Amino acid sequence: MESLTDLKAILHSKRANIYYLEMCRVVQKDGRVLYLSENEKEYQYWNIPIANTTCLLLGTGTSITQAAMRMLAQAGVLVGFSGGGATPLLMATEIEWFTPQSEYRPTEYIQGWMQFWFDETKRLDTAKRFQIARITFIQKVWAKDRELKLEGFNIAELKNEFDKSLENIVNAHSVGKLLQIEADLTKKLYKYAAKKTNQLGFIREHSKAEGANAFLDHGNYLAYGLGATTLWVLGISHGFAVMHGKTRRGALVFDVADLVKDALILPWAFICAKEKQSEKEFRSQCLQTFVEHKALDFMFNEVQNASLYYIKSSL
């Protein structure tokens, strides 16, 4: 059996896998975590490379043993239960994950976060930096991604929208105004992506489980998994949000996930809907995009920088 040190040898920001499983049983066997499915009268086992996995989502018809949970915890894998197709997370009004219990996560980030969080002005400034980072990441990814360019996504066509949003972010006087600016830009990106994929008349409906709407929901939950992983590894409570409201227990996960959602999930939700791909194909595309554009690295860096920003500026 691998040692605890071996299981955590790969940094979370470098791990390649998010697993969504359904209609199977997750077990521990011979020092490995496997999932078992029944194919007619034959049982088949597949290995889960837990040392290279960030999140495990268990969907419809799944069960997991205590021994498997112990090994997942040792490897630092977050586990969540979801509905079919990886969405929604059950108890989806909050972000709920089974988080491995460890007293050895770093303390510097939560301490830095708490030093500024109770100051409303600093909290607003942090939210502004998150929003600027979000737009910068969209511009970087869409300018670099060859496949998006082939689909007609041209970052230069959105220059005015981005410039206006950045100006408004700097001048925003409240979190409510920031949320409005964020929503306005996202609506424009929906409209742009719908035009590029010939889905004119698109309306964002969270309860509409088809086409681009279904893929947006699905992809966003994958981003929430990355956000939850980032915060857990850095030891920061999900409750100390800077934008999405102090009354929502998991709100900081939404803040962190928003760093990458529009850049990586939004365009592919429309492209995959146009091509009538399956949920599995869309999920695979999202995970490939996360790895290609180093989404976890980016989220870790932004949260770390935000945590230590005021400490470093006071030195």
C-alpha atoms as a PDB file:
ATOM      1  CA  MET A   1       0.000   0.000   0.000  1.00  0.00           C
ATOM      2  CA  GLU A   2       1.237   3.501  -0.832  1.00  0.00           C
ATOM      3  CA  SER A   3       2.236   5.645   2.126  1.00  0.00           C
ATOM      4  CA  LEU A   4       0.411   8.824   3.052  1.00  0.00           C
ATOM      5  CA  THR A   5       3.351  10.830   1.727  1.00  0.00           C
ATOM      6  CA  ASP A   6       3.242   9.015  -1.611  1.00  0.00           C
ATOM      7  CA  LEU A   7      -0.495   9.637  -1.995  1.00  0.00           C
ATOM      8  CA  LYS A   8      -0.006  13.388  -1.621  1.00  0.00           C
ATOM      9  CA  ALA A   9       3.135  13.605  -3.767  1.00  0.00           C
ATOM     10  CA  ILE A  10       1.285  15.319  -6.631  1.00  0.00           C
ATOM     11  CA  LEU A  11       0.228  18.870  -5.730  1.00  0.00           C
ATOM     12  CA  HIS A  12      -3.502  19.509  -6.082  1.00  0.00           C
ATOM     13  CA  SER A  13      -2.828  22.286  -8.564  1.00  0.00           C
ATOM     14  CA  LYS A  14      -1.051  19.758 -10.810  1.00  0.00           C
ATOM     15  CA  ARG A  15      -3.573  16.912 -10.564  1.00  0.00           C
ATOM     16  CA  ALA A  16      -5.275  15.912 -13.794  1.00  0.00           C
ATOM     17  CA  ASN A  17      -8.538  14.202 -12.844  1.00  0.00           C
ATOM     18  CA  ILE A  18     -12.065  14.954 -11.726  1.00  0.00           C
ATOM     19  CA  TYR A  19     -14.188  11.807 -11.698  1.00  0.00           C
ATOM     20  CA  TYR A  20     -17.948  11.582 -12.072  1.00  0.00           C
ATOM     21  CA  LEU A  21     -19.319   8.088 -11.452  1.00  0.00           C
ATOM     22  CA  GLU A  22     -22.817   6.632 -11.632  1.00  0.00           C
ATOM     23  CA  MET A  23     -24.389   3.188 -11.333  1.00  0.00           C
ATOM     24  CA  CYS A  24     -21.384   1.693  -9.579  1.00  0.00           C
ATOM     25  CA  ARG A  25     -19.854   0.857  -6.211  1.00  0.00           C
ATOM     26  CA  VAL A  26     -16.602   2.443  -5.038  1.00  0.00           C
ATOM     27  CA  VAL A  27     -14.452   0.093  -2.959  1.00  0.00           C
ATOM     28  CA  GLN A  28     -10.937  -0.367  -1.611  1.00  0.00           C
ATOM     29  CA  LYS A  29      -9.152  -3.489  -2.840  1.00  0.00           C
ATOM     30  CA  ASP A  30      -5.498  -4.460  -2.434  1.00  0.00           C
ATOM     31  CA  GLY A  31      -4.487  -0.942  -1.427  1.00  0.00           C
ATOM     32  CA  ARG A  32      -6.251   0.737  -4.348  1.00  0.00           C
ATOM     33  CA  VAL A  33      -9.575   2.538  -4.786  1.00  0.00           C
ATOM     34  CA  LEU A  34     -11.665   0.928  -7.521  1.00  0.00           C
ATOM     35  CA  TYR A  35     -15.127   1.350  -8.897  1.00  0.00           C
ATOM     36  CA  LEU A  36     -17.135  -1.746  -9.623  1.00  0.00           C
ATOM     37  CA  SER A  37     -19.879  -1.946 -12.230  1.00  0.00           C
ATOM     38  CA  GLU A  38     -22.089  -4.842 -13.187  1.00  0.00           C
ATOM     39  CA  ASN A  39     -22.224  -5.657 -16.877  1.00  0.00           C
ATOM     40  CA  GLU A  40     -24.924  -8.285 -17.389  1.00  0.00           C
ATOM     41  CA  LYS A  41     -23.674 -11.119 -15.137  1.00  0.00           C
ATOM     42  CA  GLU A  42     -20.066 -10.012 -15.011  1.00  0.00           C
ATOM     43  CA  TYR A  43     -18.482  -7.592 -12.532  1.00  0.00           C
ATOM     44  CA  GLN A  44     -15.815  -5.254 -13.853  1.00  0.00           C
ATOM     45  CA  TYR A  45     -13.287  -3.208 -11.858  1.00  0.00           C
ATOM     46  CA  TRP A  46     -11.539   0.019 -12.854  1.00  0.00           C
ATOM     47  CA  ASN A  47      -8.806   1.745 -10.906  1.00  0.00           C
ATOM     48  CA  ILE A  48      -9.134   5.377  -9.719  1.00  0.00           C
ATOM     49  CA  PRO A  49      -5.689   7.045  -9.622  1.00  0.00           C
ATOM     50  CA  ILE A  50      -6.420   8.856  -6.373  1.00  0.00           C
ATOM     51  CA  ALA A  51      -2.980  10.473  -6.033  1.00  0.00           C
ATOM     52  CA  ASN A  52      -3.684  12.326  -9.303  1.00  0.00           C
ATOM     53  CA  THR A  53      -7.329  13.187  -8.568  1.00  0.00           C
ATOM     54  CA  THR A  54      -8.767  16.410  -7.144  1.00  0.00           C
ATOM     55  CA  CYS A  55     -12.492  15.616  -6.852  1.00  0.00           C
ATOM     56  CA  LEU A  56     -14.762  12.581  -6.983  1.00  0.00           C
ATOM     57  CA  LEU A  57     -18.448  13.181  -7.772  1.00  0.00           C
ATOM     58  CA  LEU A  58     -20.832  10.308  -7.049  1.00  0.00           C
ATOM     59  CA  GLY A  59     -24.040  10.447  -9.056  1.00  0.00           C
ATOM     60  CA  THR A  60     -27.132   8.293  -9.475  1.00  0.00           C
ATOM     61  CA  GLY A  61     -26.972   4.704  -8.227  1.00  0.00           C
ATOM     62  CA  THR A  62     -23.597   4.910  -6.468  1.00  0.00           C
ATOM     63  CA  SER A  63     -22.333   3.709  -3.116  1.00  0.00           C
ATOM     64  CA  ILE A  64     -18.946   3.890  -1.412  1.00  0.00           C
ATOM     65  CA  THR A  65     -17.305   1.890   1.353  1.00  0.00           C
ATOM     66  CA  GLN A  66     -15.744   3.266   4.515  1.00  0.00           C
ATOM     67  CA  ALA A  67     -12.367   1.790   3.523  1.00  0.00           C
ATOM     68  CA  ALA A  68     -12.479   3.608   0.186  1.00  0.00           C
ATOM     69  CA  MET A  69     -13.326   6.881   1.934  1.00  0.00           C
ATOM     70  CA  ARG A  70     -10.342   6.412   4.231  1.00  0.00           C
ATOM     71  CA  MET A  71      -7.955   6.074   1.290  1.00  0.00           C
ATOM     72  CA  LEU A  72      -9.512   9.023  -0.546  1.00  0.00           C
ATOM     73  CA  ALA A  73      -9.049  11.134   2.577  1.00  0.00           C
ATOM     74  CA  GLN A  74      -5.409  10.072   2.870  1.00  0.00           C
ATOM     75  CA  ALA A  75      -4.836  11.194  -0.712  1.00  0.00           C
ATOM     76  CA  GLY A  76      -6.625  14.520  -0.107  1.00  0.00           C
ATOM     77  CA  VAL A  77      -9.443  13.867  -2.601  1.00  0.00           C
ATOM     78  CA  LEU A  78     -12.681  15.823  -2.125  1.00  0.00           C
ATOM     79  CA  VAL A  79     -15.838  13.736  -2.445  1.00  0.00           C
ATOM     80  CA  GLY A  80     -19.294  15.041  -3.317  1.00  0.00           C
ATOM     81  CA  PHE A  81     -22.679  13.457  -4.013  1.00  0.00           C
ATOM     82  CA  SER A  82     -24.576  14.820  -6.994  1.00  0.00           C
ATOM     83  CA  GLY A  83     -27.596  14.185  -9.137  1.00  0.00           C
ATOM     84  CA  GLY A  84     -27.401  12.550 -12.545  1.00  0.00           C
ATOM     85  CA  GLY A  85     -24.891  14.034 -14.972  1.00  0.00           C
ATOM     86  CA  ALA A  86     -22.858  15.570 -12.131  1.00  0.00           C
ATOM     87  CA  THR A  87     -25.466  18.241 -11.428  1.00  0.00           C
ATOM     88  CA  PRO A  88     -26.712  19.474  -9.087  1.00  0.00           C
ATOM     89  CA  LEU A  89     -24.677  18.844  -5.991  1.00  0.00           C
ATOM     90  CA  LEU A  90     -27.188  17.515  -3.489  1.00  0.00           C
ATOM     91  CA  MET A  91     -28.147  20.270  -1.031  1.00  0.00           C
ATOM     92  CA  ALA A  92     -27.190  22.481  -3.952  1.00  0.00           C
ATOM     93  CA  THR A  93     -28.158  25.772  -2.272  1.00  0.00           C
ATOM     94  CA  GLU A  94     -24.847  25.352  -0.489  1.00  0.00           C
ATOM     95  CA  ILE A  95     -21.520  23.889  -1.566  1.00  0.00           C
ATOM     96  CA  GLU A  96     -21.244  20.624   0.337  1.00  0.00           C
ATOM     97  CA  TRP A  97     -18.225  18.339   0.037  1.00  0.00           C
ATOM     98  CA  PHE A  98     -16.785  15.640   2.217  1.00  0.00           C
ATOM     99  CA  THR A  99     -13.449  17.227   3.082  1.00  0.00           C
ATOM    100  CA  PRO A 100     -10.542  15.130   4.338  1.00  0.00           C
ATOM    101  CA  GLN A 101      -9.737  15.986   7.935  1.00  0.00           C
ATOM    102  CA  SER A 102      -6.173  17.143   8.432  1.00  0.00           C
ATOM    103  CA  GLU A 103      -4.533  19.376  11.014  1.00  0.00           C
ATOM    104  CA  TYR A 104      -1.523  19.977   8.771  1.00  0.00           C
ATOM    105  CA  ARG A 105      -2.954  22.333   6.191  1.00  0.00           C
ATOM    106  CA  PRO A 106      -1.268  25.773   6.096  1.00  0.00           C
ATOM    107  CA  THR A 107      -2.533  28.452   8.477  1.00  0.00           C
ATOM    108  CA  GLU A 108      -0.997  31.502   6.813  1.00  0.00           C
ATOM    109  CA  TYR A 109      -3.723  31.820   4.170  1.00  0.00           C
ATOM    110  CA  ILE A 110      -6.741  31.740   6.481  1.00  0.00           C
ATOM    111  CA  GLN A 111      -4.935  34.097   8.864  1.00  0.00           C
ATOM    112  CA  GLY A 112      -4.187  36.507   6.023  1.00  0.00           C
ATOM    113  CA  TRP A 113      -7.754  36.198   4.713  1.00  0.00           C
ATOM    114  CA  MET A 114      -9.239  36.961   8.126  1.00  0.00           C
ATOM    115  CA  GLN A 115      -7.014  39.996   8.615  1.00  0.00           C
ATOM    116  CA  PHE A 116      -8.736  41.820   5.754  1.00  0.00           C
ATOM    117  CA  TRP A 117     -12.126  40.113   5.581  1.00  0.00           C
ATOM    118  CA  PHE A 118     -13.778  42.076   8.396  1.00  0.00           C
ATOM    119  CA  ASP A 119     -12.830  45.376   6.739  1.00  0.00           C
ATOM    120  CA  GLU A 120     -15.560  46.159   4.191  1.00  0.00           C
ATOM    121  CA  THR A 121     -13.301  48.357   2.051  1.00  0.00           C
ATOM    122  CA  LYS A 122     -10.575  45.716   1.817  1.00  0.00           C
ATOM    123  CA  ARG A 123     -13.149  43.028   1.095  1.00  0.00           C
ATOM    124  CA  LEU A 124     -14.526  45.119  -1.780  1.00  0.00           C
ATOM    125  CA  ASP A 125     -11.015  45.766  -3.123  1.00  0.00           C
ATOM    126  CA  THR A 126     -10.311  42.018  -3.047  1.00  0.00           C
ATOM    127  CA  ALA A 127     -13.536  41.364  -4.963  1.00  0.00           C
ATOM    128  CA  LYS A 128     -12.457  43.948  -7.559  1.00  0.00           C
ATOM    129  CA  ARG A 129      -9.085  42.226  -8.007  1.00  0.00           C
ATOM    130  CA  PHE A 130     -10.896  38.899  -8.479  1.00  0.00           C
ATOM    131  CA  GLN A 131     -13.102  40.434 -11.173  1.00  0.00           C
ATOM    132  CA  ILE A 132     -10.148  42.010 -12.964  1.00  0.00           C
ATOM    133  CA  ALA A 133      -8.328  38.645 -12.834  1.00  0.00           C
ATOM    134  CA  ARG A 134     -11.440  36.949 -14.252  1.00  0.00           C
ATOM    135  CA  ILE A 135     -11.547  39.279 -17.271  1.00  0.00           C
ATOM    136  CA  THR A 136      -7.777  39.058 -17.806  1.00  0.00           C
ATOM    137  CA  PHE A 137      -8.042  35.262 -17.816  1.00  0.00           C
ATOM    138  CA  ILE A 138     -10.871  35.322 -20.383  1.00  0.00           C
ATOM    139  CA  GLN A 139      -8.786  37.544 -22.649  1.00  0.00           C
ATOM    140  CA  LYS A 140      -5.711  35.340 -22.244  1.00  0.00           C
ATOM    141  CA  VAL A 141      -7.519  32.042 -22.851  1.00  0.00           C
ATOM    142  CA  TRP A 142      -9.645  33.167 -25.784  1.00  0.00           C
ATOM    143  CA  ALA A 143      -6.657  34.828 -27.461  1.00  0.00           C
ATOM    144  CA  LYS A 144      -4.522  31.698 -27.041  1.00  0.00           C
ATOM    145  CA  ASP A 145      -6.971  28.827 -27.657  1.00  0.00           C
ATOM    146  CA  ARG A 146      -6.649  27.662 -31.266  1.00  0.00           C
ATOM    147  CA  GLU A 147      -9.891  25.665 -31.228  1.00  0.00           C
ATOM    148  CA  LEU A 148     -11.912  28.653 -30.027  1.00  0.00           C
ATOM    149  CA  LYS A 149     -10.411  30.730 -32.821  1.00  0.00           C
ATOM    150  CA  LEU A 150     -11.494  28.078 -35.340  1.00  0.00           C
ATOM    151  CA  GLU A 151     -15.035  28.403 -33.952  1.00  0.00           C
ATOM    152  CA  GLY A 152     -14.926  32.134 -34.669  1.00  0.00           C
ATOM    153  CA  PHE A 153     -14.254  33.439 -31.163  1.00  0.00           C
ATOM    154  CA  ASN A 154     -12.234  36.629 -31.668  1.00  0.00           C
ATOM    155  CA  ILE A 155     -11.226  38.445 -28.498  1.00  0.00           C
ATOM    156  CA  ALA A 156     -10.708  41.708 -30.402  1.00  0.00           C
ATOM    157  CA  GLU A 157     -14.454  41.857 -31.133  1.00  0.00           C
ATOM    158  CA  LEU A 158     -15.143  42.140 -27.396  1.00  0.00           C
ATOM    159  CA  LYS A 159     -12.532  44.791 -26.591  1.00  0.00           C
ATOM    160  CA  ASN A 160     -15.074  47.547 -25.921  1.00  0.00           C
ATOM    161  CA  GLU A 161     -17.122  45.332 -23.589  1.00  0.00           C
ATOM    162  CA  PHE A 162     -14.039  44.309 -21.613  1.00  0.00           C
ATOM    163  CA  ASP A 163     -12.695  47.861 -21.405  1.00  0.00           C
ATOM    164  CA  LYS A 164     -16.045  49.161 -20.181  1.00  0.00           C
ATOM    165  CA  SER A 165     -16.348  46.377 -17.576  1.00  0.00           C
ATOM    166  CA  LEU A 166     -12.818  47.001 -16.277  1.00  0.00           C
ATOM    167  CA  GLU A 167     -13.527  50.720 -15.942  1.00  0.00           C
ATOM    168  CA  ASN A 168     -16.798  50.039 -14.123  1.00  0.00           C
ATOM    169  CA  ILE A 169     -15.103  47.540 -11.781  1.00  0.00           C
ATOM    170  CA  VAL A 170     -12.518  50.096 -10.709  1.00  0.00           C
ATOM    171  CA  ASN A 171     -15.262  52.666 -10.025  1.00  0.00           C
ATOM    172  CA  ALA A 172     -17.709  50.271  -8.309  1.00  0.00           C
ATOM    173  CA  HIS A 173     -18.737  51.505  -4.866  1.00  0.00           C
ATOM    174  CA  SER A 174     -20.323  48.304  -3.557  1.00  0.00           C
ATOM    175  CA  VAL A 175     -20.377  44.525  -3.916  1.00  0.00           C
ATOM    176  CA  GLY A 176     -23.905  44.801  -5.314  1.00  0.00           C
ATOM    177  CA  LYS A 177     -22.606  46.985  -8.135  1.00  0.00           C
ATOM    178  CA  LEU A 178     -19.807  44.492  -8.819  1.00  0.00           C
ATOM    179  CA  LEU A 179     -22.326  41.650  -9.076  1.00  0.00           C
ATOM    180  CA  GLN A 180     -24.330  43.703 -11.574  1.00  0.00           C
ATOM    181  CA  ILE A 181     -21.214  44.407 -13.661  1.00  0.00           C
ATOM    182  CA  GLU A 182     -20.312  40.713 -13.604  1.00  0.00           C
ATOM    183  CA  ALA A 183     -23.813  39.669 -14.669  1.00  0.00           C
ATOM    184  CA  ASP A 184     -23.946  42.270 -17.462  1.00  0.00           C
ATOM    185  CA  LEU A 185     -20.663  41.066 -18.974  1.00  0.00           C
ATOM    186  CA  THR A 186     -21.685  37.410 -18.714  1.00  0.00           C
ATOM    187  CA  LYS A 187     -24.944  38.178 -20.556  1.00  0.00           C
ATOM    188  CA  LYS A 188     -22.935  39.812 -23.340  1.00  0.00           C
ATOM    189  CA  LEU A 189     -20.668  36.755 -23.509  1.00  0.00           C
ATOM    190  CA  TYR A 190     -23.740  34.475 -23.711  1.00  0.00           C
ATOM    191  CA  LYS A 191     -25.049  36.565 -26.588  1.00  0.00           C
ATOM    192  CA  TYR A 192     -21.673  36.526 -28.340  1.00  0.00           C
ATOM    193  CA  ALA A 193     -21.227  32.743 -27.949  1.00  0.00           C
ATOM    194  CA  ALA A 194     -24.805  32.114 -29.084  1.00  0.00           C
ATOM    195  CA  LYS A 195     -24.183  34.201 -32.212  1.00  0.00           C
ATOM    196  CA  LYS A 196     -20.931  32.387 -33.012  1.00  0.00           C
ATOM    197  CA  THR A 197     -22.618  28.979 -32.672  1.00  0.00           C
ATOM    198  CA  ASN A 198     -25.840  29.966 -34.447  1.00  0.00           C
ATOM    199  CA  GLN A 199     -28.030  29.650 -31.342  1.00  0.00           C
ATOM    200  CA  LEU A 200     -29.669  33.066 -31.588  1.00  0.00           C
ATOM    201  CA  GLY A 201     -32.365  33.794 -29.058  1.00  0.00           C
ATOM    202  CA  PHE A 202     -30.599  31.883 -26.292  1.00  0.00           C
ATOM    203  CA  ILE A 203     -31.984  32.597 -22.806  1.00  0.00           C
ATOM    204  CA  ARG A 204     -30.138  31.464 -19.681  1.00  0.00           C
ATOM    205  CA  GLU A 205     -32.486  29.207 -17.722  1.00  0.00           C
ATOM    206  CA  HIS A 206     -30.972  27.306 -14.778  1.00  0.00           C
ATOM    207  CA  SER A 207     -33.876  24.847 -14.646  1.00  0.00           C
ATOM    208  CA  LYS A 208     -33.803  24.056 -18.375  1.00  0.00           C
ATOM    209  CA  ALA A 209     -31.867  20.797 -18.631  1.00  0.00           C
ATOM    210  CA  GLU A 210     -31.089  20.816 -22.344  1.00  0.00           C
ATOM    211  CA  GLY A 211     -28.609  22.228 -24.812  1.00  0.00           C
ATOM    212  CA  ALA A 212     -26.250  24.980 -23.720  1.00  0.00           C
ATOM    213  CA  ASN A 213     -28.214  25.562 -20.497  1.00  0.00           C
ATOM    214  CA  ALA A 214     -27.617  21.991 -19.340  1.00  0.00           C
ATOM    215  CA  PHE A 215     -23.934  22.151 -20.277  1.00  0.00           C
ATOM    216  CA  LEU A 216     -23.485  25.463 -18.454  1.00  0.00           C
ATOM    217  CA  ASP A 217     -24.961  23.939 -15.281  1.00  0.00           C
ATOM    218  CA  HIS A 218     -22.830  20.819 -15.653  1.00  0.00           C
ATOM    219  CA  GLY A 219     -19.590  22.682 -16.347  1.00  0.00           C
ATOM    220  CA  ASN A 220     -20.171  25.158 -13.534  1.00  0.00           C
ATOM    221  CA  TYR A 221     -20.373  22.313 -11.014  1.00  0.00           C
ATOM    222  CA  LEU A 222     -17.025  21.047 -12.247  1.00  0.00           C
ATOM    223  CA  ALA A 223     -15.634  24.542 -11.657  1.00  0.00           C
ATOM    224  CA  TYR A 224     -17.147  24.505  -8.156  1.00  0.00           C
ATOM    225  CA  GLY A 225     -15.197  21.305  -7.528  1.00  0.00           C
ATOM    226  CA  LEU A 226     -11.965  23.072  -8.452  1.00  0.00           C
ATOM    227  CA  GLY A 227     -12.905  26.034  -6.275  1.00  0.00           C
ATOM    228  CA  ALA A 228     -13.694  23.817  -3.291  1.00  0.00           C
ATOM    229  CA  THR A 229     -10.413  21.939  -3.761  1.00  0.00           C
ATOM    230  CA  THR A 230      -8.417  25.182  -3.890  1.00  0.00           C
ATOM    231  CA  LEU A 231      -9.949  26.536  -0.693  1.00  0.00           C
ATOM    232  CA  TRP A 232      -9.684  23.252   1.192  1.00  0.00           C
ATOM    233  CA  VAL A 233      -5.997  22.778   0.331  1.00  0.00           C
ATOM    234  CA  LEU A 234      -5.221  26.357   1.371  1.00  0.00           C
ATOM    235  CA  GLY A 235      -7.252  25.945   4.562  1.00  0.00           C
ATOM    236  CA  ILE A 236      -9.719  28.799   3.903  1.00  0.00           C
ATOM    237  CA  SER A 237     -13.338  28.420   5.014  1.00  0.00           C
ATOM    238  CA  HIS A 238     -15.954  28.500   2.253  1.00  0.00           C
ATOM    239  CA  GLY A 239     -18.020  30.939   4.304  1.00  0.00           C
ATOM    240  CA  PHE A 240     -15.792  34.013   3.994  1.00  0.00           C
ATOM    241  CA  ALA A 241     -16.891  35.252   0.581  1.00  0.00           C
ATOM    242  CA  VAL A 242     -15.929  38.593  -0.917  1.00  0.00           C
ATOM    243  CA  MET A 243     -18.755  38.876  -3.464  1.00  0.00           C
ATOM    244  CA  HIS A 244     -21.526  36.334  -3.272  1.00  0.00           C
ATOM    245  CA  GLY A 245     -22.863  37.209   0.136  1.00  0.00           C
ATOM    246  CA  LYS A 246     -21.939  36.548   3.745  1.00  0.00           C
ATOM    247  CA  THR A 247     -25.237  34.689   4.305  1.00  0.00           C
ATOM    248  CA  ARG A 248     -24.411  31.832   1.905  1.00  0.00           C
ATOM    249  CA  ARG A 249     -22.298  29.220   3.594  1.00  0.00           C
ATOM    250  CA  GLY A 250     -20.405  28.123   0.490  1.00  0.00           C
ATOM    251  CA  ALA A 251     -20.277  31.493  -1.203  1.00  0.00           C
ATOM    252  CA  LEU A 252     -16.481  31.762  -1.446  1.00  0.00           C
ATOM    253  CA  VAL A 253     -16.522  28.666  -3.685  1.00  0.00           C
ATOM    254  CA  PHE A 254     -18.687  30.652  -6.125  1.00  0.00           C
ATOM    255  CA  ASP A 255     -16.244  33.566  -5.984  1.00  0.00           C
ATOM    256  CA  VAL A 256     -13.273  31.341  -6.801  1.00  0.00           C
ATOM    257  CA  ALA A 257     -15.096  29.310  -9.478  1.00  0.00           C
ATOM    258  CA  ASP A 258     -16.086  32.553 -11.207  1.00  0.00           C
ATOM    259  CA  LEU A 259     -12.415  33.152 -11.946  1.00  0.00           C
ATOM    260  CA  VAL A 260     -12.559  30.469 -14.668  1.00  0.00           C
ATOM    261  CA  LYS A 261     -16.214  29.797 -15.538  1.00  0.00           C
ATOM    262  CA  ASP A 262     -16.693  32.340 -18.317  1.00  0.00           C
ATOM    263  CA  ALA A 263     -13.256  31.717 -19.822  1.00  0.00           C
ATOM    264  CA  LEU A 264     -13.405  27.910 -19.924  1.00  0.00           C
ATOM    265  CA  ILE A 265     -16.986  26.657 -19.447  1.00  0.00           C
ATOM    266  CA  LEU A 266     -19.085  29.234 -21.293  1.00  0.00           C
ATOM    267  CA  PRO A 267     -17.703  28.925 -24.846  1.00  0.00           C
ATOM    268  CA  TRP A 268     -17.567  25.137 -24.801  1.00  0.00           C
ATOM    269  CA  ALA A 269     -21.127  24.837 -23.476  1.00  0.00           C
ATOM    270  CA  PHE A 270     -22.326  26.570 -26.641  1.00  0.00           C
ATOM    271  CA  ILE A 271     -19.917  24.795 -28.996  1.00  0.00           C
ATOM    272  CA  CYS A 272     -20.759  21.329 -27.635  1.00  0.00           C
ATOM    273  CA  ALA A 273     -24.489  22.129 -27.740  1.00  0.00           C
ATOM    274  CA  LYS A 274     -24.143  23.158 -31.387  1.00  0.00           C
ATOM    275  CA  GLU A 275     -22.398  19.875 -32.141  1.00  0.00           C
ATOM    276  CA  LYS A 276     -25.047  17.944 -30.134  1.00  0.00           C
ATOM    277  CA  GLN A 277     -22.426  16.259 -28.002  1.00  0.00           C
ATOM    278  CA  SER A 278     -23.286  14.069 -25.026  1.00  0.00           C
ATOM    279  CA  GLU A 279     -22.752  15.100 -21.408  1.00  0.00           C
ATOM    280  CA  LYS A 280     -19.807  12.735 -21.250  1.00  0.00           C
ATOM    281  CA  GLU A 281     -18.193  14.357 -24.287  1.00  0.00           C
ATOM    282  CA  PHE A 282     -18.795  17.835 -22.884  1.00  0.00           C
ATOM    283  CA  ARG A 283     -17.364  16.853 -19.497  1.00  0.00           C
ATOM    284  CA  SER A 284     -14.265  15.441 -21.179  1.00  0.00           C
ATOM    285  CA  GLN A 285     -13.840  18.689 -23.124  1.00  0.00           C
ATOM    286  CA  CYS A 286     -14.112  20.746 -19.916  1.00  0.00           C
ATOM    287  CA  LEU A 287     -11.519  18.663 -18.099  1.00  0.00           C
ATOM    288  CA  GLN A 288      -9.156  18.848 -21.055  1.00  0.00           C
ATOM    289  CA  THR A 289      -9.601  22.625 -21.120  1.00  0.00           C
ATOM    290  CA  PHE A 290      -8.940  22.891 -17.360  1.00  0.00           C
ATOM    291  CA  VAL A 291      -5.638  21.087 -17.812  1.00  0.00           C
ATOM    292  CA  GLU A 292      -4.623  22.886 -21.007  1.00  0.00           C
ATOM    293  CA  HIS A 293      -5.119  26.341 -19.498  1.00  0.00           C
ATOM    294  CA  LYS A 294      -3.911  25.395 -15.996  1.00  0.00           C
ATOM    295  CA  ALA A 295      -7.157  26.394 -14.305  1.00  0.00           C
ATOM    296  CA  LEU A 296      -6.181  25.068 -10.874  1.00  0.00           C
ATOM    297  CA  ASP A 297      -2.802  26.799 -10.969  1.00  0.00           C
ATOM    298  CA  PHE A 298      -4.560  30.060 -11.782  1.00  0.00           C
ATOM    299  CA  MET A 299      -7.122  29.648  -8.981  1.00  0.00           C
ATOM    300  CA  PHE A 300      -4.456  28.749  -6.424  1.00  0.00           C
ATOM    301  CA  ASN A 301      -2.324  31.746  -7.394  1.00  0.00           C
ATOM    302  CA  GLU A 302      -5.210  34.207  -7.201  1.00  0.00           C
ATOM    303  CA  VAL A 303      -6.445  32.968  -3.818  1.00  0.00           C
ATOM    304  CA  GLN A 304      -2.918  32.857  -2.379  1.00  0.00           C
ATOM    305  CA  ASN A 305      -2.207  36.382  -3.628  1.00  0.00           C
ATOM    306  CA  ALA A 306      -5.501  37.669  -2.219  1.00  0.00           C
ATOM    307  CA  SER A 307      -4.804  36.046   1.154  1.00  0.00           C
ATOM    308  CA  LEU A 308      -1.367  37.628   1.522  1.00  0.00           C
ATOM    309  CA  TYR A 309      -1.969  40.891  -0.364  1.00  0.00           C
ATOM    310  CA  TYR A 310      -2.372  43.167   2.659  1.00  0.00           C
ATOM    311  CA  ILE A 311       0.327  41.407   4.658  1.00  0.00           C
ATOM    312  CA  LYS A 312       2.856  41.940   1.856  1.00  0.00           C
ATOM    313  CA  SER A 313       1.727  45.520   1.218  1.00  0.00           C
ATOM    314  CA  SER A 314       2.336  46.407   4.865  1.00  0.00           C
ATOM    315  CA  LEU A 315       5.933  45.144   4.888  1.00  0.00           C
END
